[in-house]
Amino acid sequence: QVHLVESGGNLVQAGGSLRLSCVASGIFSINVMGWYRQAPGKERELVATITNGGSTNYEDSVKGRFTISRVLAKNMVYLQMHSLKPEDTGVFYCNAYDGRFTYWGQGTQVTVSS
């Protein structure tokens, strides 16, 4: 059974910080892990990805504010978020890619108040 379990979503004030965590199980070999988000009425968008070698990519609006990191031995990925803005509000999803299939977590709600 494949499971991606997320934690860390919360309600915060603008300018605050949150750290999201995700652990994957039941996947034989993970090549890439990442975070996506979906705001109300908008399409799901990529936030950040990280490869096994540590190469990262970020969506333009989060560069300089968010940091993605990974612990390979534990199949875990983190997203450290600073200087949060109301427009960051949405459901954040963890995902993992094994070279053939993409797996998704259940999502965790991040709400940033003005």
C-alpha atoms as a PDB file:
ATOM      1  CA  GLN A   1       0.000   0.000   0.000  1.00  0.00           C
ATOM      2  CA  VAL A   2       1.248   3.458  -0.925  1.00  0.00           C
ATOM      3  CA  HIS A   3       0.727   6.226   1.591  1.00  0.00           C
ATOM      4  CA  LEU A   4       1.822   9.845   1.639  1.00  0.00           C
ATOM      5  CA  VAL A   5       1.026  11.471   4.970  1.00  0.00           C
ATOM      6  CA  GLU A   6       1.216  15.243   5.337  1.00  0.00           C
ATOM      7  CA  SER A   7       1.206  17.471   8.379  1.00  0.00           C
ATOM      8  CA  GLY A   8       1.811  21.086   9.345  1.00  0.00           C
ATOM      9  CA  GLY A   9      -1.025  22.977   7.688  1.00  0.00           C
ATOM     10  CA  ASN A  10      -2.585  25.675   9.832  1.00  0.00           C
ATOM     11  CA  LEU A  11      -4.108  29.142  10.033  1.00  0.00           C
ATOM     12  CA  VAL A  12      -1.454  31.873  10.241  1.00  0.00           C
ATOM     13  CA  GLN A  13      -1.286  35.635   9.928  1.00  0.00           C
ATOM     14  CA  ALA A  14       0.337  37.345   6.965  1.00  0.00           C
ATOM     15  CA  GLY A  15       4.092  37.453   7.410  1.00  0.00           C
ATOM     16  CA  GLY A  16       4.142  34.283   9.486  1.00  0.00           C
ATOM     17  CA  SER A  17       5.837  30.947   8.912  1.00  0.00           C
ATOM     18  CA  LEU A  18       4.856  27.294   8.600  1.00  0.00           C
ATOM     19  CA  ARG A  19       6.750  24.056   8.082  1.00  0.00           C
ATOM     20  CA  LEU A  20       4.994  21.297   6.137  1.00  0.00           C
ATOM     21  CA  SER A  21       6.118  17.674   6.391  1.00  0.00           C
ATOM     22  CA  CYS A  22       5.377  14.595   4.300  1.00  0.00           C
ATOM     23  CA  VAL A  23       6.458  10.973   4.660  1.00  0.00           C
ATOM     24  CA  ALA A  24       5.975   8.378   1.918  1.00  0.00           C
ATOM     25  CA  SER A  25       5.666   4.620   2.410  1.00  0.00           C
ATOM     26  CA  GLY A  26       5.083   1.635   0.132  1.00  0.00           C
ATOM     27  CA  ILE A  27       7.052   3.066  -2.808  1.00  0.00           C
ATOM     28  CA  PHE A  28      10.042   1.016  -3.928  1.00  0.00           C
ATOM     29  CA  SER A  29      12.156   3.798  -5.403  1.00  0.00           C
ATOM     30  CA  ILE A  30      11.367   7.521  -5.407  1.00  0.00           C
ATOM     31  CA  ASN A  31      13.062   9.766  -7.967  1.00  0.00           C
ATOM     32  CA  VAL A  32      11.431  13.119  -7.219  1.00  0.00           C
ATOM     33  CA  MET A  33       9.307  14.542  -4.431  1.00  0.00           C
ATOM     34  CA  GLY A  34       7.464  17.816  -4.470  1.00  0.00           C
ATOM     35  CA  TRP A  35       4.752  20.123  -3.236  1.00  0.00           C
ATOM     36  CA  TYR A  36       1.760  21.464  -5.154  1.00  0.00           C
ATOM     37  CA  ARG A  37      -1.022  23.790  -4.068  1.00  0.00           C
ATOM     38  CA  GLN A  38      -4.543  24.603  -5.173  1.00  0.00           C
ATOM     39  CA  ALA A  39      -6.299  27.836  -4.295  1.00  0.00           C
ATOM     40  CA  PRO A  40     -10.117  28.091  -4.427  1.00  0.00           C
ATOM     41  CA  GLY A  41     -11.284  28.399  -8.014  1.00  0.00           C
ATOM     42  CA  LYS A  42      -7.801  27.872  -9.451  1.00  0.00           C
ATOM     43  CA  GLU A  43      -5.896  24.968 -10.965  1.00  0.00           C
ATOM     44  CA  ARG A  44      -3.393  22.960  -8.982  1.00  0.00           C
ATOM     45  CA  GLU A  45       0.090  24.390  -9.475  1.00  0.00           C
ATOM     46  CA  LEU A  46       3.614  23.245  -8.772  1.00  0.00           C
ATOM     47  CA  VAL A  47       5.261  24.913  -5.795  1.00  0.00           C
ATOM     48  CA  ALA A  48       8.613  23.144  -5.503  1.00  0.00           C
ATOM     49  CA  THR A  49      10.359  19.871  -6.375  1.00  0.00           C
ATOM     50  CA  ILE A  50      13.536  18.149  -5.249  1.00  0.00           C
ATOM     51  CA  THR A  51      15.405  15.246  -6.853  1.00  0.00           C
ATOM     52  CA  ASN A  52      17.401  12.468  -5.198  1.00  0.00           C
ATOM     53  CA  GLY A  53      20.530  14.447  -5.996  1.00  0.00           C
ATOM     54  CA  GLY A  54      19.212  17.533  -4.230  1.00  0.00           C
ATOM     55  CA  SER A  55      18.389  19.647  -7.295  1.00  0.00           C
ATOM     56  CA  THR A  56      15.471  21.995  -6.585  1.00  0.00           C
ATOM     57  CA  ASN A  57      12.969  24.007  -8.610  1.00  0.00           C
ATOM     58  CA  TYR A  58      10.553  26.653  -7.343  1.00  0.00           C
ATOM     59  CA  GLU A  59       7.511  28.439  -8.671  1.00  0.00           C
ATOM     60  CA  ASP A  60       8.432  32.091  -9.224  1.00  0.00           C
ATOM     61  CA  SER A  61       6.157  33.588  -6.571  1.00  0.00           C
ATOM     62  CA  VAL A  62       7.705  31.525  -3.748  1.00  0.00           C
ATOM     63  CA  LYS A  63      11.383  31.958  -4.610  1.00  0.00           C
ATOM     64  CA  GLY A  64      13.255  33.426  -1.683  1.00  0.00           C
ATOM     65  CA  ARG A  65      10.416  32.642   0.732  1.00  0.00           C
ATOM     66  CA  PHE A  66      10.006  28.837   0.598  1.00  0.00           C
ATOM     67  CA  THR A  67      12.625  26.107   0.953  1.00  0.00           C
ATOM     68  CA  ILE A  68      12.131  22.457   0.025  1.00  0.00           C
ATOM     69  CA  SER A  69      14.321  19.758   1.574  1.00  0.00           C
ATOM     70  CA  ARG A  70      14.389  15.979   1.663  1.00  0.00           C
ATOM     71  CA  VAL A  71      15.644  13.155   3.872  1.00  0.00           C
ATOM     72  CA  LEU A  72      16.210  10.284   1.444  1.00  0.00           C
ATOM     73  CA  ALA A  73      16.672   7.529   4.017  1.00  0.00           C
ATOM     74  CA  LYS A  74      13.305   8.315   5.599  1.00  0.00           C
ATOM     75  CA  ASN A  75      11.350   9.107   2.402  1.00  0.00           C
ATOM     76  CA  MET A  76      10.464  12.481   3.847  1.00  0.00           C
ATOM     77  CA  VAL A  77      10.122  15.911   2.272  1.00  0.00           C
ATOM     78  CA  TYR A  78       9.671  19.286   3.966  1.00  0.00           C
ATOM     79  CA  LEU A  79       8.516  22.705   2.874  1.00  0.00           C
ATOM     80  CA  GLN A  80       9.638  25.594   5.062  1.00  0.00           C
ATOM     81  CA  MET A  81       7.539  28.680   4.329  1.00  0.00           C
ATOM     82  CA  HIS A  82       8.348  32.223   5.465  1.00  0.00           C
ATOM     83  CA  SER A  83       6.765  35.616   4.817  1.00  0.00           C
ATOM     84  CA  LEU A  84       3.431  34.023   4.023  1.00  0.00           C
ATOM     85  CA  LYS A  85       0.900  36.045   2.054  1.00  0.00           C
ATOM     86  CA  PRO A  86      -2.898  35.726   1.820  1.00  0.00           C
ATOM     87  CA  GLU A  87      -2.481  34.634  -1.801  1.00  0.00           C
ATOM     88  CA  ASP A  88      -0.560  31.577  -0.564  1.00  0.00           C
ATOM     89  CA  THR A  89      -3.818  30.240   0.878  1.00  0.00           C
ATOM     90  CA  GLY A  90      -4.831  26.852  -0.480  1.00  0.00           C
ATOM     91  CA  VAL A  91      -4.610  23.105  -0.111  1.00  0.00           C
ATOM     92  CA  PHE A  92      -1.002  21.923  -0.282  1.00  0.00           C
ATOM     93  CA  TYR A  93      -0.352  18.445  -1.674  1.00  0.00           C
ATOM     94  CA  CYS A  94       2.740  16.293  -1.310  1.00  0.00           C
ATOM     95  CA  ASN A  95       3.669  14.055  -4.233  1.00  0.00           C
ATOM     96  CA  ALA A  96       6.249  11.467  -5.221  1.00  0.00           C
ATOM     97  CA  TYR A  97       7.341  10.158  -8.630  1.00  0.00           C
ATOM     98  CA  ASP A  98       8.949   6.736  -9.018  1.00  0.00           C
ATOM     99  CA  GLY A  99       9.767   6.935 -12.732  1.00  0.00           C
ATOM    100  CA  ARG A 100       6.405   5.558 -13.867  1.00  0.00           C
ATOM    101  CA  PHE A 101       3.679   6.735 -11.511  1.00  0.00           C
ATOM    102  CA  THR A 102       2.911   9.833  -9.498  1.00  0.00           C
ATOM    103  CA  TYR A 103       1.469   9.462  -6.008  1.00  0.00           C
ATOM    104  CA  TRP A 104      -0.380  12.119  -4.025  1.00  0.00           C
ATOM    105  CA  GLY A 105      -1.051  12.888  -0.411  1.00  0.00           C
ATOM    106  CA  GLN A 106      -4.439  13.845   0.944  1.00  0.00           C
ATOM    107  CA  GLY A 107      -3.640  17.552   1.138  1.00  0.00           C
ATOM    108  CA  THR A 108      -3.249  19.905   4.075  1.00  0.00           C
ATOM    109  CA  GLN A 109      -4.962  23.276   4.381  1.00  0.00           C
ATOM    110  CA  VAL A 110      -2.884  26.438   4.667  1.00  0.00           C
ATOM    111  CA  THR A 111      -4.822  29.614   5.391  1.00  0.00           C
ATOM    112  CA  VAL A 112      -3.079  32.992   5.608  1.00  0.00           C
ATOM    113  CA  SER A 113      -5.164  35.802   7.074  1.00  0.00           C
ATOM    114  CA  SER A 114      -4.731  39.513   6.356  1.00  0.00           C
END
